[in-house]
Amino acid sequence: MRRVYSGELPVSYRQFYVESRPGEFGADPSDACAGQSNGLCGAAVPGYLFLTTGLHTGTVGLTVEVHDSPPPLGESWEEVVEVSFRPESPSTVLLPWGDGPLCALELPVADYRVRYCGRGMDQAEEEELAVLAGEGIVDHYLLQFWPAVTGADQVIRQTSRSADYWHRHARTLPPPPSPQERAEAERRRR
């Protein structure tokens, strides 16, 4: 196991990202979760992850790990989802909203399974939208990567109202266009 980051993460608008697309930044939250059953870790945009927190604005706790095989699932995590992810370049970074990279993940271009775990989402949502640096961290997150074949996203554990809301929202979004549909749209555009 390689621990990439452990510490505080500034969040705004309940979000942060993993970005590997050269020259790109961001995606619409609806595009990121399109066709998924989970709404906490959007992986529908190739090379990009859109991650949702309970806290609207402020500081959350975050640990990021890269494993060689699936790590055991800790019992302390209230929310757990898994998605597939393939970086589009070896330059994969973790980004807070509206800021530069917090850390580099140093992931070779390959297929990965990603587990996103959280605890304290409802409590953080009740903290009047903002917890500023030095005021104590309410919600904590764990982001784990390991090599794996591509598979559908999954909700492994869900206990909070906040996660339930985001999962239900994601399930209303239509699936993203297939590679063939994207190619046809690009052909027509030209």
Protein backbone atom coordinates (compact mmCIF):
# COMPACT_ATOMS: atom_id res chain seq x y z
CA MET A 1 0.00 0.00 0.00
CA ARG A 2 1.21 3.47 -0.88
CA ARG A 3 -0.31 6.38 1.04
CA VAL A 4 -0.48 9.29 -1.39
CA TYR A 5 -2.03 11.85 0.96
CA SER A 6 -3.34 12.11 4.49
CA GLY A 7 -4.52 15.42 5.90
CA GLU A 8 -6.93 18.24 5.32
CA LEU A 9 -8.74 18.97 2.07
CA PRO A 10 -10.43 22.31 1.38
CA VAL A 11 -13.85 21.85 -0.25
CA SER A 12 -16.34 24.23 -1.81
CA TYR A 13 -19.79 23.34 -3.11
CA ARG A 14 -19.41 19.83 -1.58
CA GLN A 15 -16.88 18.71 -4.21
CA PHE A 16 -13.36 17.80 -5.20
CA TYR A 17 -11.92 15.93 -8.19
CA VAL A 18 -9.41 13.48 -9.61
CA GLU A 19 -8.22 14.69 -13.02
CA SER A 20 -6.02 12.88 -15.55
CA ARG A 21 -7.10 14.44 -18.84
CA PRO A 22 -4.30 16.56 -20.32
CA GLY A 23 -5.41 20.15 -20.83
CA GLU A 24 -8.85 19.52 -19.35
CA PHE A 25 -10.46 20.56 -16.11
CA GLY A 26 -13.81 19.67 -14.73
CA ALA A 27 -17.07 18.30 -15.97
CA ASP A 28 -20.68 18.97 -15.22
CA PRO A 29 -21.74 17.04 -12.10
CA SER A 30 -24.66 15.53 -14.04
CA ASP A 31 -22.29 14.25 -16.73
CA ALA A 32 -19.94 12.80 -14.09
CA CYS A 33 -22.70 10.69 -12.50
CA ALA A 34 -24.72 9.93 -15.65
CA GLY A 35 -26.03 6.38 -15.71
CA GLN A 36 -24.62 5.50 -12.28
CA SER A 37 -26.29 4.03 -9.22
CA ASN A 38 -24.09 6.05 -6.84
CA GLY A 39 -23.97 9.83 -6.58
CA LEU A 40 -20.87 10.24 -4.39
CA CYS A 41 -18.14 9.29 -6.87
CA GLY A 42 -18.95 10.25 -10.44
CA ALA A 43 -16.90 8.23 -12.93
CA ALA A 44 -18.91 8.53 -16.16
CA VAL A 45 -16.48 11.04 -17.75
CA PRO A 46 -13.38 9.11 -18.91
CA GLY A 47 -10.22 10.01 -16.98
CA TYR A 48 -12.10 12.07 -14.38
CA LEU A 49 -13.70 11.53 -10.96
CA PHE A 50 -16.18 13.94 -9.34
CA LEU A 51 -16.32 13.40 -5.56
CA THR A 52 -19.07 14.69 -3.26
CA THR A 53 -18.74 15.56 0.45
CA GLY A 54 -21.31 16.33 3.14
CA LEU A 55 -19.68 19.66 3.99
CA HIS A 56 -20.54 22.53 1.65
CA THR A 57 -17.55 24.78 2.33
CA GLY A 58 -14.52 24.36 4.54
CA THR A 59 -12.13 21.61 5.46
CA VAL A 60 -12.63 17.83 5.51
CA GLY A 61 -10.25 15.01 6.37
CA LEU A 62 -8.93 12.94 3.45
CA THR A 63 -6.67 9.94 3.00
CA VAL A 64 -5.71 8.69 -0.49
CA GLU A 65 -4.13 5.25 -0.96
CA VAL A 66 -2.95 3.12 -3.89
CA HIS A 67 -3.02 -0.67 -3.36
CA ASP A 68 -1.86 -3.70 -5.35
CA SER A 69 -5.10 -5.59 -4.62
CA PRO A 70 -8.51 -4.86 -3.07
CA PRO A 71 -7.96 -3.57 0.49
CA PRO A 72 -10.19 -4.72 3.36
CA LEU A 73 -13.25 -2.59 3.97
CA GLY A 74 -13.12 -0.78 7.31
CA GLU A 75 -16.19 -0.94 9.54
CA SER A 76 -15.89 2.74 10.59
CA TRP A 77 -16.99 4.00 7.16
CA GLU A 78 -20.70 4.91 6.97
CA GLU A 79 -20.75 5.49 3.20
CA VAL A 80 -18.89 3.27 0.72
CA VAL A 81 -19.12 3.29 -3.08
CA GLU A 82 -16.94 1.76 -5.79
CA VAL A 83 -16.38 2.77 -9.42
CA SER A 84 -14.04 1.90 -12.27
CA PHE A 85 -11.45 4.43 -13.42
CA ARG A 86 -8.82 4.57 -16.13
CA PRO A 87 -6.48 7.58 -16.18
CA GLU A 88 -6.02 9.16 -19.60
CA SER A 89 -2.41 10.09 -18.79
CA PRO A 90 0.18 9.31 -16.11
CA SER A 91 -0.40 12.84 -14.73
CA THR A 92 -3.31 12.12 -12.39
CA VAL A 93 -3.90 14.71 -9.67
CA LEU A 94 -6.34 15.38 -6.84
CA LEU A 95 -7.88 18.84 -7.10
CA PRO A 96 -9.87 20.90 -4.61
CA TRP A 97 -12.60 23.08 -6.13
CA GLY A 98 -11.14 26.22 -7.76
CA ASP A 99 -7.54 25.46 -6.79
CA GLY A 100 -4.41 23.77 -8.10
CA PRO A 101 -3.46 20.15 -7.40
CA LEU A 102 -3.37 19.03 -3.78
CA CYS A 103 -1.29 15.95 -4.67
CA ALA A 104 -0.20 13.77 -7.59
CA LEU A 105 -1.44 10.18 -7.57
CA GLU A 106 1.29 8.78 -9.86
CA LEU A 107 -1.01 6.16 -11.40
CA PRO A 108 0.17 4.32 -14.51
CA VAL A 109 -2.43 4.30 -17.31
CA ALA A 110 -4.36 1.11 -16.50
CA ASP A 111 -7.79 0.03 -15.27
CA TYR A 112 -8.48 0.63 -11.56
CA ARG A 113 -11.22 0.06 -9.07
CA VAL A 114 -11.79 3.06 -6.82
CA ARG A 115 -13.40 2.87 -3.39
CA TYR A 116 -14.66 6.13 -1.90
CA CYS A 117 -15.60 5.98 1.79
CA GLY A 118 -17.03 8.67 4.05
CA ARG A 119 -18.27 9.28 7.55
CA GLY A 120 -19.95 12.27 9.19
CA MET A 121 -21.74 13.47 6.04
CA ASP A 122 -25.06 14.31 7.74
CA GLN A 123 -23.35 16.01 10.69
CA ALA A 124 -21.22 18.08 8.29
CA GLU A 125 -24.30 19.09 6.32
CA GLU A 126 -25.90 20.31 9.56
CA GLU A 127 -22.87 22.46 10.49
CA GLU A 128 -24.42 25.52 8.78
CA LEU A 129 -22.69 24.84 5.45
CA ALA A 130 -19.16 25.83 6.49
CA VAL A 131 -16.39 24.52 8.72
CA LEU A 132 -13.33 26.71 8.38
CA ALA A 133 -9.71 25.74 8.98
CA GLY A 134 -8.95 25.34 12.67
CA GLU A 135 -12.58 24.76 13.67
CA GLY A 136 -12.38 20.96 13.80
CA ILE A 137 -13.04 18.48 11.04
CA VAL A 138 -16.50 16.92 10.98
CA ASP A 139 -16.49 14.62 7.93
CA HIS A 140 -13.69 12.31 6.81
CA TYR A 141 -13.07 10.52 3.50
CA LEU A 142 -10.91 7.68 2.19
CA LEU A 143 -10.12 7.26 -1.52
CA GLN A 144 -8.49 3.95 -2.51
CA PHE A 145 -7.24 2.76 -5.93
CA TRP A 146 -6.17 -0.74 -7.02
CA PRO A 147 -5.74 -2.48 -10.39
CA ALA A 148 -8.94 -4.23 -11.49
CA VAL A 149 -11.04 -5.05 -14.52
CA THR A 150 -13.75 -2.56 -15.41
CA GLY A 151 -17.13 -3.07 -13.74
CA ALA A 152 -20.33 -1.24 -12.88
CA ASP A 153 -20.37 1.26 -10.05
CA GLN A 154 -21.77 -0.01 -6.74
CA VAL A 155 -23.16 1.34 -3.50
CA ILE A 156 -21.54 -0.92 -0.90
CA ARG A 157 -22.81 0.85 2.23
CA GLN A 158 -25.19 3.79 2.65
CA THR A 159 -26.40 5.15 6.00
CA SER A 160 -26.79 8.94 5.72
CA ARG A 161 -29.60 11.11 4.37
CA SER A 162 -27.00 13.06 2.41
CA ALA A 163 -25.65 10.00 0.56
CA ASP A 164 -29.20 8.75 -0.03
CA TYR A 165 -30.07 12.08 -1.69
CA TRP A 166 -27.04 11.99 -4.03
CA HIS A 167 -27.59 8.31 -4.93
CA ARG A 168 -31.26 8.93 -5.76
CA HIS A 169 -30.28 11.96 -7.87
CA ALA A 170 -27.67 9.98 -9.84
CA ARG A 171 -30.23 7.29 -10.65
CA THR A 172 -32.42 9.88 -12.42
CA LEU A 173 -29.64 10.84 -14.86
CA PRO A 174 -29.61 9.24 -18.31
CA PRO A 175 -26.56 7.16 -19.24
CA PRO A 176 -23.73 8.93 -21.06
CA PRO A 177 -23.42 8.53 -24.83
CA SER A 178 -21.55 5.46 -26.03
CA PRO A 179 -18.18 5.89 -27.80
CA GLN A 180 -20.01 5.24 -31.09
CA GLU A 181 -22.61 7.92 -30.30
CA ARG A 182 -19.83 10.39 -29.39
CA ALA A 183 -18.01 9.61 -32.66
CA GLU A 184 -21.21 10.11 -34.67
CA ALA A 185 -21.93 13.42 -32.89
CA GLU A 186 -18.38 14.58 -33.66
CA ARG A 187 -18.76 13.50 -37.31
CA ARG A 188 -21.99 15.51 -37.62
CA ARG A 189 -20.44 18.51 -35.90
CA ARG A 190 -17.64 18.59 -38.49
